[in-house]
Amino acid sequence: MLAVIRGEKSPADACRAYKIHNSVLTRWKREFLE
């Protein structure tokens, strides 16, 4: 998650790396930033 927020990885790369769906990543990011 931090790599995506920092701009080190694209959301698509993170989803592939961790085998998660984009909607899961989006929800985690939103919850993390709250």
N, C-alpha and C. Protein backbone atom coordinates (compact mmCIF):
# COMPACT_ATOMS: atom_id res chain seq x y z
N MET A 1 0.82 -1.19 0.00
CA MET A 1 0.00 0.00 0.00
C MET A 1 0.86 1.25 0.00
N LEU A 2 1.88 1.28 0.83
CA LEU A 2 2.72 2.48 0.89
C LEU A 2 3.43 2.74 -0.43
N ALA A 3 3.81 1.68 -1.13
CA ALA A 3 4.48 1.86 -2.42
C ALA A 3 3.56 2.55 -3.42
N VAL A 4 2.29 2.24 -3.38
CA VAL A 4 1.32 2.88 -4.28
C VAL A 4 1.14 4.34 -3.89
N ILE A 5 0.98 4.61 -2.59
CA ILE A 5 0.78 5.98 -2.13
C ILE A 5 2.00 6.84 -2.43
N ARG A 6 3.18 6.27 -2.26
CA ARG A 6 4.42 7.01 -2.53
C ARG A 6 4.69 7.18 -4.02
N GLY A 7 3.97 6.43 -4.86
CA GLY A 7 4.19 6.50 -6.29
C GLY A 7 5.29 5.58 -6.78
N GLU A 8 5.74 4.66 -5.92
CA GLU A 8 6.79 3.72 -6.30
C GLU A 8 6.25 2.60 -7.17
N LYS A 9 4.98 2.28 -7.02
CA LYS A 9 4.32 1.24 -7.82
C LYS A 9 2.99 1.78 -8.30
N SER A 10 2.60 1.33 -9.47
CA SER A 10 1.27 1.69 -9.95
C SER A 10 0.26 0.77 -9.27
N PRO A 11 -0.98 1.20 -9.17
CA PRO A 11 -2.00 0.33 -8.58
C PRO A 11 -2.10 -1.02 -9.30
N ALA A 12 -1.98 -1.02 -10.61
CA ALA A 12 -2.05 -2.27 -11.37
C ALA A 12 -0.90 -3.20 -11.01
N ASP A 13 0.30 -2.64 -10.87
CA ASP A 13 1.46 -3.46 -10.49
C ASP A 13 1.27 -4.06 -9.11
N ALA A 14 0.77 -3.28 -8.18
CA ALA A 14 0.54 -3.77 -6.82
C ALA A 14 -0.51 -4.89 -6.81
N CYS A 15 -1.56 -4.72 -7.59
CA CYS A 15 -2.60 -5.75 -7.66
C CYS A 15 -2.04 -7.05 -8.20
N ARG A 16 -1.23 -6.96 -9.24
CA ARG A 16 -0.61 -8.17 -9.79
C ARG A 16 0.35 -8.80 -8.79
N ALA A 17 1.16 -7.98 -8.13
CA ALA A 17 2.17 -8.49 -7.21
C ALA A 17 1.53 -9.22 -6.03
N TYR A 18 0.41 -8.68 -5.52
CA TYR A 18 -0.21 -9.26 -4.33
C TYR A 18 -1.44 -10.09 -4.65
N LYS A 19 -1.74 -10.22 -5.96
CA LYS A 19 -2.87 -11.03 -6.42
C LYS A 19 -4.19 -10.62 -5.75
N ILE A 20 -4.45 -9.31 -5.81
CA ILE A 20 -5.71 -8.78 -5.28
C ILE A 20 -6.42 -8.01 -6.38
N HIS A 21 -7.71 -7.84 -6.22
CA HIS A 21 -8.50 -7.09 -7.20
C HIS A 21 -8.32 -5.60 -6.96
N ASN A 22 -8.44 -4.82 -8.01
CA ASN A 22 -8.27 -3.37 -7.92
C ASN A 22 -9.23 -2.74 -6.91
N SER A 23 -10.45 -3.26 -6.81
CA SER A 23 -11.40 -2.68 -5.86
C SER A 23 -10.94 -2.87 -4.42
N VAL A 24 -10.26 -3.98 -4.14
CA VAL A 24 -9.72 -4.21 -2.79
C VAL A 24 -8.63 -3.19 -2.50
N LEU A 25 -7.75 -2.99 -3.45
CA LEU A 25 -6.66 -2.01 -3.27
C LEU A 25 -7.23 -0.61 -3.07
N THR A 26 -8.23 -0.25 -3.85
CA THR A 26 -8.84 1.07 -3.73
C THR A 26 -9.46 1.26 -2.35
N ARG A 27 -10.15 0.23 -1.85
CA ARG A 27 -10.77 0.32 -0.52
C ARG A 27 -9.70 0.43 0.56
N TRP A 28 -8.64 -0.36 0.47
CA TRP A 28 -7.56 -0.30 1.46
C TRP A 28 -6.91 1.08 1.46
N LYS A 29 -6.69 1.62 0.27
CA LYS A 29 -6.06 2.94 0.17
C LYS A 29 -6.95 4.01 0.81
N ARG A 30 -8.24 3.95 0.52
CA ARG A 30 -9.17 4.93 1.09
C ARG A 30 -9.19 4.82 2.62
N GLU A 31 -9.24 3.60 3.15
CA GLU A 31 -9.26 3.40 4.60
C GLU A 31 -7.95 3.85 5.23
N PHE A 32 -6.84 3.59 4.56
CA PHE A 32 -5.52 3.95 5.08
C PHE A 32 -5.37 5.47 5.19
N LEU A 33 -5.90 6.18 4.21
CA LEU A 33 -5.74 7.63 4.17
C LEU A 33 -6.71 8.38 5.09
N GLU A 34 -7.69 7.68 5.65
CA GLU A 34 -8.65 8.34 6.55
C GLU A 34 -8.05 8.62 7.90
